[in-house]
């Protein structure tokens, strides 16, 4: 498989894992409110948050690995691009997960 094929595969897995991460964050909000601890089942919410974290880590790995397959010259540019993508994706996934969990709490309770 060519580098382009690997990149498309990594991108597809990363997108699927990010959707799963946001879905599990929403389900955690529907299961219980972890911040207040008064709504729902906090144990079930923790279970869903664990699943969300696992999916988020897979997403971060897939997106950070994409510059390795890019036609950049030199490993320093690839490492810089990989680090930048990792940090941006981390912030976006954390904020998106928080928002998905808040939406789950609001819609389910």
PDB file of N, CA and C in Angstrom:
ATOM      1  N   UNK A   1       0.849  -1.166   0.000  1.00  0.00           N
ATOM      2  CA  UNK A   1       0.000   0.000   0.000  1.00  0.00           C
ATOM      3  C   UNK A   1       0.903   1.240   0.000  1.00  0.00           C
ATOM      4  N   UNK A   2       0.520   2.226  -0.777  1.00  0.00           N
ATOM      5  CA  UNK A   2       1.321   3.441  -0.875  1.00  0.00           C
ATOM      6  C   UNK A   2       1.107   4.329   0.349  1.00  0.00           C
ATOM      7  N   UNK A   3       1.940   5.361   0.446  1.00  0.00           N
ATOM      8  CA  UNK A   3       1.798   6.308   1.566  1.00  0.00           C
ATOM      9  C   UNK A   3       0.439   6.992   1.543  1.00  0.00           C
ATOM     10  N   UNK A   4      -0.073   7.263   0.358  1.00  0.00           N
ATOM     11  CA  UNK A   4      -1.382   7.898   0.248  1.00  0.00           C
ATOM     12  C   UNK A   4      -2.473   6.977   0.800  1.00  0.00           C
ATOM     13  N   UNK A   5      -2.372   5.690   0.508  1.00  0.00           N
ATOM     14  CA  UNK A   5      -3.341   4.720   1.025  1.00  0.00           C
ATOM     15  C   UNK A   5      -3.285   4.617   2.539  1.00  0.00           C
ATOM     16  N   UNK A   6      -2.072   4.596   3.084  1.00  0.00           N
ATOM     17  CA  UNK A   6      -1.929   4.555   4.541  1.00  0.00           C
ATOM     18  C   UNK A   6      -2.481   5.827   5.182  1.00  0.00           C
ATOM     19  N   UNK A   7      -2.227   6.975   4.552  1.00  0.00           N
ATOM     20  CA  UNK A   7      -2.715   8.239   5.098  1.00  0.00           C
ATOM     21  C   UNK A   7      -4.244   8.279   5.101  1.00  0.00           C
ATOM     22  N   UNK A   8      -4.861   7.816   4.029  1.00  0.00           N
ATOM     23  CA  UNK A   8      -6.324   7.795   3.978  1.00  0.00           C
ATOM     24  C   UNK A   8      -6.877   6.827   5.014  1.00  0.00           C
ATOM     25  N   UNK A   9      -6.218   5.692   5.191  1.00  0.00           N
ATOM     26  CA  UNK A   9      -6.656   4.735   6.204  1.00  0.00           C
ATOM     27  C   UNK A   9      -6.540   5.317   7.612  1.00  0.00           C
ATOM     28  N   UNK A  10      -5.414   5.954   7.908  1.00  0.00           N
ATOM     29  CA  UNK A  10      -5.236   6.584   9.225  1.00  0.00           C
ATOM     30  C   UNK A  10      -6.253   7.695   9.457  1.00  0.00           C
ATOM     31  N   UNK A  11      -6.521   8.477   8.428  1.00  0.00           N
ATOM     32  CA  UNK A  11      -7.504   9.544   8.543  1.00  0.00           C
ATOM     33  C   UNK A  11      -8.896   8.975   8.806  1.00  0.00           C
ATOM     34  N   UNK A  12      -9.251   7.904   8.106  1.00  0.00           N
ATOM     35  CA  UNK A  12     -10.554   7.274   8.317  1.00  0.00           C
ATOM     36  C   UNK A  12     -10.710   6.715   9.719  1.00  0.00           C
ATOM     37  N   UNK A  13      -9.689   6.025  10.202  1.00  0.00           N
ATOM     38  CA  UNK A  13      -9.735   5.479  11.562  1.00  0.00           C
ATOM     39  C   UNK A  13      -9.797   6.613  12.581  1.00  0.00           C
ATOM     40  N   UNK A  14      -9.035   7.686  12.339  1.00  0.00           N
ATOM     41  CA  UNK A  14      -9.052   8.829  13.250  1.00  0.00           C
ATOM     42  C   UNK A  14     -10.404   9.510  13.312  1.00  0.00           C
ATOM     43  N   UNK A  15     -11.052   9.666  12.174  1.00  0.00           N
ATOM     44  CA  UNK A  15     -12.378  10.287  12.156  1.00  0.00           C
ATOM     45  C   UNK A  15     -13.395   9.395  12.856  1.00  0.00           C
ATOM     46  N   UNK A  16     -13.337   8.091  12.594  1.00  0.00           N
ATOM     47  CA  UNK A  16     -14.255   7.163  13.254  1.00  0.00           C
ATOM     48  C   UNK A  16     -14.035   7.164  14.772  1.00  0.00           C
ATOM     49  N   UNK A  17     -12.775   7.171  15.197  1.00  0.00           N
ATOM     50  CA  UNK A  17     -12.478   7.157  16.630  1.00  0.00           C
ATOM     51  C   UNK A  17     -12.892   8.467  17.299  1.00  0.00           C
ATOM     52  N   UNK A  18     -12.763   9.588  16.590  1.00  0.00           N
ATOM     53  CA  UNK A  18     -13.197  10.856  17.186  1.00  0.00           C
ATOM     54  C   UNK A  18     -14.716  10.895  17.325  1.00  0.00           C
ATOM     55  N   UNK A  19     -15.432  10.336  16.353  1.00  0.00           N
ATOM     56  CA  UNK A  19     -16.894  10.262  16.476  1.00  0.00           C
ATOM     57  C   UNK A  19     -17.283   9.357  17.642  1.00  0.00           C
ATOM     58  N   UNK A  20     -16.574   8.247  17.806  1.00  0.00           N
ATOM     59  CA  UNK A  20     -16.851   7.354  18.931  1.00  0.00           C
ATOM     60  C   UNK A  20     -16.551   8.040  20.259  1.00  0.00           C
ATOM     61  N   UNK A  21     -15.481   8.815  20.304  1.00  0.00           N
ATOM     62  CA  UNK A  21     -15.129   9.531  21.528  1.00  0.00           C
ATOM     63  C   UNK A  21     -16.223  10.518  21.920  1.00  0.00           C
ATOM     64  N   UNK A  22     -16.723  11.271  20.954  1.00  0.00           N
ATOM     65  CA  UNK A  22     -17.786  12.232  21.246  1.00  0.00           C
ATOM     66  C   UNK A  22     -19.091  11.526  21.605  1.00  0.00           C
ATOM     67  N   UNK A  23     -19.370  10.403  20.962  1.00  0.00           N
ATOM     68  CA  UNK A  23     -20.570   9.625  21.295  1.00  0.00           C
ATOM     69  C   UNK A  23     -20.513   9.126  22.738  1.00  0.00           C
ATOM     70  N   UNK A  24     -19.366   8.585  23.140  1.00  0.00           N
ATOM     71  CA  UNK A  24     -19.237   8.080  24.507  1.00  0.00           C
ATOM     72  C   UNK A  24     -19.274   9.219  25.529  1.00  0.00           C
ATOM     73  N   UNK A  25     -18.752  10.390  25.165  1.00  0.00           N
ATOM     74  CA  UNK A  25     -18.853  11.539  26.060  1.00  0.00           C
ATOM     75  C   UNK A  25     -20.311  11.948  26.229  1.00  0.00           C
ATOM     76  N   UNK A  26     -21.074  11.919  25.150  1.00  0.00           N
ATOM     77  CA  UNK A  26     -22.505  12.230  25.232  1.00  0.00           C
ATOM     78  C   UNK A  26     -23.221  11.197  26.110  1.00  0.00           C
ATOM     79  N   UNK A  27     -22.893   9.927  25.937  1.00  0.00           N
ATOM     80  CA  UNK A  27     -23.508   8.872  26.749  1.00  0.00           C
ATOM     81  C   UNK A  27     -23.132   9.019  28.221  1.00  0.00           C
ATOM     82  N   UNK A  28     -21.928   9.490  28.487  1.00  0.00           N
ATOM     83  CA  UNK A  28     -21.527   9.731  29.877  1.00  0.00           C
ATOM     84  C   UNK A  28     -22.383  10.830  30.480  1.00  0.00           C
ATOM     85  N   UNK A  29     -22.690  11.853  29.703  1.00  0.00           N
ATOM     86  CA  UNK A  29     -23.570  12.903  30.184  1.00  0.00           C
ATOM     87  C   UNK A  29     -24.978  12.399  30.411  1.00  0.00           C
ATOM     88  N   UNK A  30     -25.427  11.486  29.560  1.00  0.00           N
ATOM     89  CA  UNK A  30     -26.773  10.914  29.729  1.00  0.00           C
ATOM     90  C   UNK A  30     -26.830   9.969  30.929  1.00  0.00           C
ATOM     91  N   UNK A  31     -25.730   9.297  31.220  1.00  0.00           N
ATOM     92  CA  UNK A  31     -25.723   8.339  32.334  1.00  0.00           C
ATOM     93  C   UNK A  31     -25.703   9.047  33.677  1.00  0.00           C
ATOM     94  N   UNK A  32     -25.008  10.139  33.783  1.00  0.00           N
ATOM     95  CA  UNK A  32     -24.938  10.826  35.068  1.00  0.00           C
ATOM     96  C   UNK A  32     -24.083  12.068  34.989  1.00  0.00           C
ATOM     97  N   UNK A  33     -24.322  12.967  35.916  1.00  0.00           N
ATOM     98  CA  UNK A  33     -23.572  14.207  35.981  1.00  0.00           C
ATOM     99  C   UNK A  33     -22.405  14.009  36.946  1.00  0.00           C
ATOM    100  N   UNK A  34     -21.188  13.955  36.399  1.00  0.00           N
ATOM    101  CA  UNK A  34     -20.019  13.704  37.244  1.00  0.00           C
ATOM    102  C   UNK A  34     -19.588  14.937  38.018  1.00  0.00           C
ATOM    103  N   UNK A  35     -19.939  16.127  37.542  1.00  0.00           N
ATOM    104  CA  UNK A  35     -19.488  17.334  38.230  1.00  0.00           C
ATOM    105  C   UNK A  35     -20.241  17.529  39.534  1.00  0.00           C
ATOM    106  N   UNK A  36     -21.559  17.397  39.475  1.00  0.00           N
ATOM    107  CA  UNK A  36     -22.358  17.558  40.688  1.00  0.00           C
ATOM    108  C   UNK A  36     -22.529  16.262  41.451  1.00  0.00           C
ATOM    109  N   UNK A  37     -22.616  15.158  40.721  1.00  0.00           N
ATOM    110  CA  UNK A  37     -22.771  13.853  41.347  1.00  0.00           C
ATOM    111  C   UNK A  37     -24.168  13.564  41.864  1.00  0.00           C
ATOM    112  N   UNK A  38     -25.129  14.439  41.559  1.00  0.00           N
ATOM    113  CA  UNK A  38     -26.471  14.242  42.092  1.00  0.00           C
ATOM    114  C   UNK A  38     -27.421  13.646  41.073  1.00  0.00           C
ATOM    115  N   UNK A  39     -27.077  13.667  39.806  1.00  0.00           N
ATOM    116  CA  UNK A  39     -27.965  13.159  38.764  1.00  0.00           C
ATOM    117  C   UNK A  39     -27.448  11.835  38.216  1.00  0.00           C
ATOM    118  N   UNK A  40     -28.342  10.877  38.043  1.00  0.00           N
ATOM    119  CA  UNK A  40     -28.006   9.645  37.356  1.00  0.00           C
ATOM    120  C   UNK A  40     -27.069   8.737  38.120  1.00  0.00           C
ATOM    121  N   UNK A  41     -26.350   7.926  37.348  1.00  0.00           N
ATOM    122  CA  UNK A  41     -25.446   6.915  37.891  1.00  0.00           C
ATOM    123  C   UNK A  41     -23.997   7.313  37.596  1.00  0.00           C
ATOM    124  N   UNK A  42     -23.268   7.822  38.580  1.00  0.00           N
ATOM    125  CA  UNK A  42     -21.880   8.254  38.331  1.00  0.00           C
ATOM    126  C   UNK A  42     -20.952   7.110  37.903  1.00  0.00           C
ATOM    127  N   UNK A  43     -21.201   5.894  38.367  1.00  0.00           N
ATOM    128  CA  UNK A  43     -20.348   4.761  37.977  1.00  0.00           C
ATOM    129  C   UNK A  43     -20.489   4.460  36.484  1.00  0.00           C
ATOM    130  N   UNK A  44     -21.711   4.488  35.996  1.00  0.00           N
ATOM    131  CA  UNK A  44     -21.948   4.270  34.568  1.00  0.00           C
ATOM    132  C   UNK A  44     -21.330   5.400  33.750  1.00  0.00           C
ATOM    133  N   UNK A  45     -21.429   6.616  34.252  1.00  0.00           N
ATOM    134  CA  UNK A  45     -20.833   7.760  33.562  1.00  0.00           C
ATOM    135  C   UNK A  45     -19.315   7.624  33.495  1.00  0.00           C
ATOM    136  N   UNK A  46     -18.695   7.146  34.559  1.00  0.00           N
ATOM    137  CA  UNK A  46     -17.245   6.923  34.547  1.00  0.00           C
ATOM    138  C   UNK A  46     -16.858   5.851  33.540  1.00  0.00           C
ATOM    139  N   UNK A  47     -17.680   4.827  33.421  1.00  0.00           N
ATOM    140  CA  UNK A  47     -17.421   3.767  32.433  1.00  0.00           C
ATOM    141  C   UNK A  47     -17.412   4.364  31.021  1.00  0.00           C
ATOM    142  N   UNK A  48     -18.420   5.180  30.715  1.00  0.00           N
ATOM    143  CA  UNK A  48     -18.481   5.795  29.390  1.00  0.00           C
ATOM    144  C   UNK A  48     -17.343   6.785  29.172  1.00  0.00           C
ATOM    145  N   UNK A  49     -16.941   7.480  30.214  1.00  0.00           N
ATOM    146  CA  UNK A  49     -15.815   8.408  30.060  1.00  0.00           C
ATOM    147  C   UNK A  49     -14.513   7.655  29.795  1.00  0.00           C
ATOM    148  N   UNK A  50     -14.368   6.476  30.383  1.00  0.00           N
ATOM    149  CA  UNK A  50     -13.202   5.650  30.084  1.00  0.00           C
ATOM    150  C   UNK A  50     -13.183   5.224  28.625  1.00  0.00           C
ATOM    151  N   UNK A  51     -14.340   4.846  28.095  1.00  0.00           N
ATOM    152  CA  UNK A  51     -14.425   4.495  26.675  1.00  0.00           C
ATOM    153  C   UNK A  51     -14.133   5.707  25.789  1.00  0.00           C
ATOM    154  N   UNK A  52     -14.602   6.865  26.209  1.00  0.00           N
ATOM    155  CA  UNK A  52     -14.356   8.089  25.463  1.00  0.00           C
ATOM    156  C   UNK A  52     -12.866   8.427  25.442  1.00  0.00           C
ATOM    157  N   UNK A  53     -12.201   8.232  26.562  1.00  0.00           N
ATOM    158  CA  UNK A  53     -10.765   8.525  26.640  1.00  0.00           C
ATOM    159  C   UNK A  53      -9.957   7.587  25.749  1.00  0.00           C
ATOM    160  N   UNK A  54     -10.323   6.314  25.733  1.00  0.00           N
ATOM    161  CA  UNK A  54      -9.629   5.363  24.861  1.00  0.00           C
ATOM    162  C   UNK A  54      -9.770   5.729  23.391  1.00  0.00           C
ATOM    163  N   UNK A  55     -10.973   6.100  22.993  1.00  0.00           N
ATOM    164  CA  UNK A  55     -11.204   6.513  21.605  1.00  0.00           C
ATOM    165  C   UNK A  55     -10.450   7.799  21.288  1.00  0.00           C
ATOM    166  N   UNK A  56     -10.369   8.705  22.254  1.00  0.00           N
ATOM    167  CA  UNK A  56      -9.652   9.954  22.048  1.00  0.00           C
ATOM    168  C   UNK A  56      -8.159   9.696  21.838  1.00  0.00           C
ATOM    169  N   UNK A  57      -7.598   8.778  22.596  1.00  0.00           N
ATOM    170  CA  UNK A  57      -6.176   8.462  22.435  1.00  0.00           C
ATOM    171  C   UNK A  57      -5.901   7.846  21.065  1.00  0.00           C
ATOM    172  N   UNK A  58      -6.806   6.993  20.590  1.00  0.00           N
ATOM    173  CA  UNK A  58      -6.650   6.424  19.250  1.00  0.00           C
ATOM    174  C   UNK A  58      -6.724   7.520  18.194  1.00  0.00           C
ATOM    175  N   UNK A  59      -7.631   8.460  18.365  1.00  0.00           N
ATOM    176  CA  UNK A  59      -7.749   9.584  17.441  1.00  0.00           C
ATOM    177  C   UNK A  59      -6.461  10.402  17.412  1.00  0.00           C
ATOM    178  N   UNK A  60      -5.935  10.707  18.580  1.00  0.00           N
ATOM    179  CA  UNK A  60      -4.705  11.500  18.650  1.00  0.00           C
ATOM    180  C   UNK A  60      -3.544  10.785  17.984  1.00  0.00           C
ATOM    181  N   UNK A  61      -3.442   9.474  18.186  1.00  0.00           N
ATOM    182  CA  UNK A  61      -2.369   8.712  17.545  1.00  0.00           C
ATOM    183  C   UNK A  61      -2.506   8.758  16.025  1.00  0.00           C
ATOM    184  N   UNK A  62      -3.718   8.544  15.532  1.00  0.00           N
ATOM    185  CA  UNK A  62      -3.919   8.527  14.080  1.00  0.00           C
ATOM    186  C   UNK A  62      -3.607   9.880  13.448  1.00  0.00           C
ATOM    187  N   UNK A  63      -4.098  10.963  14.061  1.00  0.00           N
ATOM    188  CA  UNK A  63      -3.852  12.273  13.484  1.00  0.00           C
ATOM    189  C   UNK A  63      -2.386  12.683  13.602  1.00  0.00           C
ATOM    190  N   UNK A  64      -1.740  12.330  14.709  1.00  0.00           N
ATOM    191  CA  UNK A  64      -0.333  12.699  14.881  1.00  0.00           C
ATOM    192  C   UNK A  64       0.580  11.885  13.973  1.00  0.00           C
ATOM    193  N   UNK A  65       0.138  10.711  13.547  1.00  0.00           N
ATOM    194  CA  UNK A  65       0.962   9.877  12.669  1.00  0.00           C
ATOM    195  C   UNK A  65       0.871  10.303  11.206  1.00  0.00           C
ATOM    196  N   UNK A  66      -0.100  11.114  10.851  1.00  0.00           N
ATOM    197  CA  UNK A  66      -0.257  11.518   9.451  1.00  0.00           C
ATOM    198  C   UNK A  66       0.963  12.238   8.865  1.00  0.00           C
ATOM    199  N   UNK A  67       1.618  13.170   9.573  1.00  0.00           N
ATOM    200  CA  UNK A  67       2.782  13.832   8.965  1.00  0.00           C
ATOM    201  C   UNK A  67       3.956  12.888   8.679  1.00  0.00           C
ATOM    202  N   UNK A  68       3.986  11.753   9.324  1.00  0.00           N
ATOM    203  CA  UNK A  68       5.061  10.796   9.043  1.00  0.00           C
ATOM    204  C   UNK A  68       4.978  10.326   7.597  1.00  0.00           C
ATOM    205  N   UNK A  69       3.762  10.254   7.066  1.00  0.00           N
ATOM    206  CA  UNK A  69       3.560   9.795   5.702  1.00  0.00           C
ATOM    207  C   UNK A  69       3.601  10.919   4.677  1.00  0.00           C
ATOM    208  N   UNK A  70       3.713  12.158   5.145  1.00  0.00           N
ATOM    209  CA  UNK A  70       3.723  13.315   4.241  1.00  0.00           C
ATOM    210  C   UNK A  70       5.075  13.422   3.540  1.00  0.00           C
ATOM    211  N   UNK A  71       5.070  14.050   2.375  1.00  0.00           N
ATOM    212  CA  UNK A  71       6.326  14.157   1.619  1.00  0.00           C
ATOM    213  C   UNK A  71       7.218  15.320   2.064  1.00  0.00           C
ATOM    214  N   UNK A  72       7.267  15.607   3.366  1.00  0.00           N
ATOM    215  CA  UNK A  72       8.165  16.645   3.863  1.00  0.00           C
ATOM    216  C   UNK A  72       9.597  16.133   3.786  1.00  0.00           C
ATOM    217  N   UNK A  73      10.518  17.051   3.576  1.00  0.00           N
ATOM    218  CA  UNK A  73      11.925  16.686   3.601  1.00  0.00           C
ATOM    219  C   UNK A  73      12.475  17.002   4.973  1.00  0.00           C
ATOM    220  N   UNK A  74      13.062  16.033   5.599  1.00  0.00           N
ATOM    221  CA  UNK A  74      13.636  16.228   6.913  1.00  0.00           C
ATOM    222  C   UNK A  74      12.702  15.794   8.019  1.00  0.00           C
ATOM    223  N   UNK A  75      13.283  15.189   9.022  1.00  0.00           N
ATOM    224  CA  UNK A  75      12.477  14.688  10.126  1.00  0.00           C
ATOM    225  C   UNK A  75      12.041  15.796  11.074  1.00  0.00           C
ATOM    226  N   UNK A  76      12.749  16.909  11.108  1.00  0.00           N
ATOM    227  CA  UNK A  76      12.377  18.009  12.002  1.00  0.00           C
ATOM    228  C   UNK A  76      11.032  18.603  11.602  1.00  0.00           C
ATOM    229  N   UNK A  77      10.799  18.759  10.294  1.00  0.00           N
ATOM    230  CA  UNK A  77       9.513  19.286   9.834  1.00  0.00           C
ATOM    231  C   UNK A  77       8.382  18.311  10.144  1.00  0.00           C
ATOM    232  N   UNK A  78       8.645  17.044   9.978  1.00  0.00           N
ATOM    233  CA  UNK A  78       7.622  16.036  10.275  1.00  0.00           C
ATOM    234  C   UNK A  78       7.302  16.009  11.765  1.00  0.00           C
ATOM    235  N   UNK A  79       8.326  16.094  12.597  1.00  0.00           N
ATOM    236  CA  UNK A  79       8.114  16.082  14.045  1.00  0.00           C
ATOM    237  C   UNK A  79       7.358  17.330  14.488  1.00  0.00           C
ATOM    238  N   UNK A  80       7.687  18.469  13.917  1.00  0.00           N
ATOM    239  CA  UNK A  80       6.988  19.709  14.256  1.00  0.00           C
ATOM    240  C   UNK A  80       5.526  19.646  13.828  1.00  0.00           C
ATOM    241  N   UNK A  81       5.273  19.166  12.618  1.00  0.00           N
ATOM    242  CA  UNK A  81       3.896  19.047  12.132  1.00  0.00           C
ATOM    243  C   UNK A  81       3.112  18.043  12.966  1.00  0.00           C
ATOM    244  N   UNK A  82       3.739  16.947  13.327  1.00  0.00           N
ATOM    245  CA  UNK A  82       3.074  15.933  14.147  1.00  0.00           C
ATOM    246  C   UNK A  82       2.722  16.474  15.527  1.00  0.00           C
ATOM    247  N   UNK A  83       3.640  17.213  16.120  1.00  0.00           N
ATOM    248  CA  UNK A  83       3.389  17.814  17.436  1.00  0.00           C
ATOM    249  C   UNK A  83       2.276  18.847  17.374  1.00  0.00           C
ATOM    250  N   UNK A  84       2.283  19.674  16.333  1.00  0.00           N
ATOM    251  CA  UNK A  84       1.245  20.693  16.189  1.00  0.00           C
ATOM    252  C   UNK A  84      -0.130  20.055  16.004  1.00  0.00           C
ATOM    253  N   UNK A  85      -0.215  19.042  15.160  1.00  0.00           N
ATOM    254  CA  UNK A  85      -1.493  18.357  14.949  1.00  0.00           C
ATOM    255  C   UNK A  85      -1.956  17.691  16.233  1.00  0.00           C
ATOM    256  N   UNK A  86      -1.035  17.072  16.957  1.00  0.00           N
ATOM    257  CA  UNK A  86      -1.385  16.419  18.215  1.00  0.00           C
ATOM    258  C   UNK A  86      -1.980  17.416  19.207  1.00  0.00           C
ATOM    259  N   UNK A  87      -1.318  18.556  19.374  1.00  0.00           N
ATOM    260  CA  UNK A  87      -1.781  19.549  20.346  1.00  0.00           C
ATOM    261  C   UNK A  87      -3.124  20.172  19.954  1.00  0.00           C
ATOM    262  N   UNK A  88      -3.276  20.480  18.676  1.00  0.00           N
ATOM    263  CA  UNK A  88      -4.541  21.051  18.216  1.00  0.00           C
ATOM    264  C   UNK A  88      -5.673  20.034  18.365  1.00  0.00           C
ATOM    265  N   UNK A  89      -5.425  18.797  17.965  1.00  0.00           N
ATOM    266  CA  UNK A  89      -6.457  17.757  18.090  1.00  0.00           C
ATOM    267  C   UNK A  89      -6.787  17.483  19.554  1.00  0.00           C
ATOM    268  N   UNK A  90      -5.800  17.550  20.422  1.00  0.00           N
ATOM    269  CA  UNK A  90      -6.045  17.334  21.851  1.00  0.00           C
ATOM    270  C   UNK A  90      -6.990  18.393  22.413  1.00  0.00           C
ATOM    271  N   UNK A  91      -6.722  19.649  22.106  1.00  0.00           N
ATOM    272  CA  UNK A  91      -7.577  20.735  22.597  1.00  0.00           C
ATOM    273  C   UNK A  91      -8.986  20.606  22.024  1.00  0.00           C
ATOM    274  N   UNK A  92      -9.090  20.341  20.729  1.00  0.00           N
ATOM    275  CA  UNK A  92     -10.401  20.230  20.089  1.00  0.00           C
ATOM    276  C   UNK A  92     -11.191  19.059  20.666  1.00  0.00           C
ATOM    277  N   UNK A  93     -10.544  17.926  20.883  1.00  0.00           N
ATOM    278  CA  UNK A  93     -11.258  16.766  21.414  1.00  0.00           C
ATOM    279  C   UNK A  93     -11.662  16.958  22.872  1.00  0.00           C
ATOM    280  N   UNK A  94     -10.830  17.595  23.660  1.00  0.00           N
ATOM    281  CA  UNK A  94     -11.199  17.829  25.060  1.00  0.00           C
ATOM    282  C   UNK A  94     -12.382  18.795  25.142  1.00  0.00           C
ATOM    283  N   UNK A  95     -12.306  19.901  24.415  1.00  0.00           N
ATOM    284  CA  UNK A  95     -13.406  20.860  24.442  1.00  0.00           C
ATOM    285  C   UNK A  95     -14.675  20.272  23.825  1.00  0.00           C
ATOM    286  N   UNK A  96     -14.528  19.513  22.748  1.00  0.00           N
ATOM    287  CA  UNK A  96     -15.685  18.859  22.147  1.00  0.00           C
ATOM    288  C   UNK A  96     -16.294  17.820  23.061  1.00  0.00           C
ATOM    289  N   UNK A  97     -15.456  17.078  23.782  1.00  0.00           N
ATOM    290  CA  UNK A  97     -15.963  16.091  24.735  1.00  0.00           C
ATOM    291  C   UNK A  97     -16.710  16.727  25.889  1.00  0.00           C
ATOM    292  N   UNK A  98     -16.191  17.853  26.368  1.00  0.00           N
ATOM    293  CA  UNK A  98     -16.884  18.567  27.442  1.00  0.00           C
ATOM    294  C   UNK A  98     -18.242  19.060  26.955  1.00  0.00           C
ATOM    295  N   UNK A  99     -18.261  19.608  25.752  1.00  0.00           N
ATOM    296  CA  UNK A  99     -19.525  20.100  25.207  1.00  0.00           C
ATOM    297  C   UNK A  99     -20.513  18.957  24.966  1.00  0.00           C
ATOM    298  N   UNK A 100     -20.031  17.818  24.459  1.00  0.00           N
ATOM    299  CA  UNK A 100     -20.914  16.669  24.234  1.00  0.00           C
ATOM    300  C   UNK A 100     -21.477  16.150  25.548  1.00  0.00           C
ATOM    301  N   UNK A 101     -20.658  16.141  26.589  1.00  0.00           N
ATOM    302  CA  UNK A 101     -21.140  15.679  27.894  1.00  0.00           C
ATOM    303  C   UNK A 101     -22.173  16.650  28.474  1.00  0.00           C
ATOM    304  N   UNK A 102     -21.935  17.945  28.335  1.00  0.00           N
ATOM    305  CA  UNK A 102     -22.901  18.932  28.808  1.00  0.00           C
ATOM    306  C   UNK A 102     -24.225  18.781  28.058  1.00  0.00           C
ATOM    307  N   UNK A 103     -24.139  18.574  26.752  1.00  0.00           N
ATOM    308  CA  UNK A 103     -25.352  18.377  25.961  1.00  0.00           C
ATOM    309  C   UNK A 103     -26.090  17.121  26.394  1.00  0.00           C
ATOM    310  N   UNK A 104     -25.357  16.063  26.693  1.00  0.00           N
ATOM    311  CA  UNK A 104     -25.980  14.840  27.178  1.00  0.00           C
ATOM    312  C   UNK A 104     -26.711  15.039  28.504  1.00  0.00           C
ATOM    313  N   UNK A 105     -26.097  15.780  29.406  1.00  0.00           N
ATOM    314  CA  UNK A 105     -26.748  16.060  30.689  1.00  0.00           C
ATOM    315  C   UNK A 105     -28.008  16.888  30.477  1.00  0.00           C
ATOM    316  N   UNK A 106     -27.929  17.893  29.619  1.00  0.00           N
ATOM    317  CA  UNK A 106     -29.078  18.764  29.406  1.00  0.00           C
ATOM    318  C   UNK A 106     -30.227  18.055  28.711  1.00  0.00           C
ATOM    319  N   UNK A 107     -29.931  17.179  27.774  1.00  0.00           N
ATOM    320  CA  UNK A 107     -30.986  16.522  27.021  1.00  0.00           C
ATOM    321  C   UNK A 107     -31.589  15.318  27.737  1.00  0.00           C
ATOM    322  N   UNK A 108     -30.825  14.672  28.573  1.00  0.00           N
ATOM    323  CA  UNK A 108     -31.302  13.446  29.206  1.00  0.00           C
ATOM    324  C   UNK A 108     -31.883  13.672  30.599  1.00  0.00           C
ATOM    325  N   UNK A 109     -31.571  14.799  31.214  1.00  0.00           N
ATOM    326  CA  UNK A 109     -32.094  15.028  32.570  1.00  0.00           C
ATOM    327  C   UNK A 109     -32.987  16.191  32.572  1.00  0.00           C
TER     328      UNK A 109
END
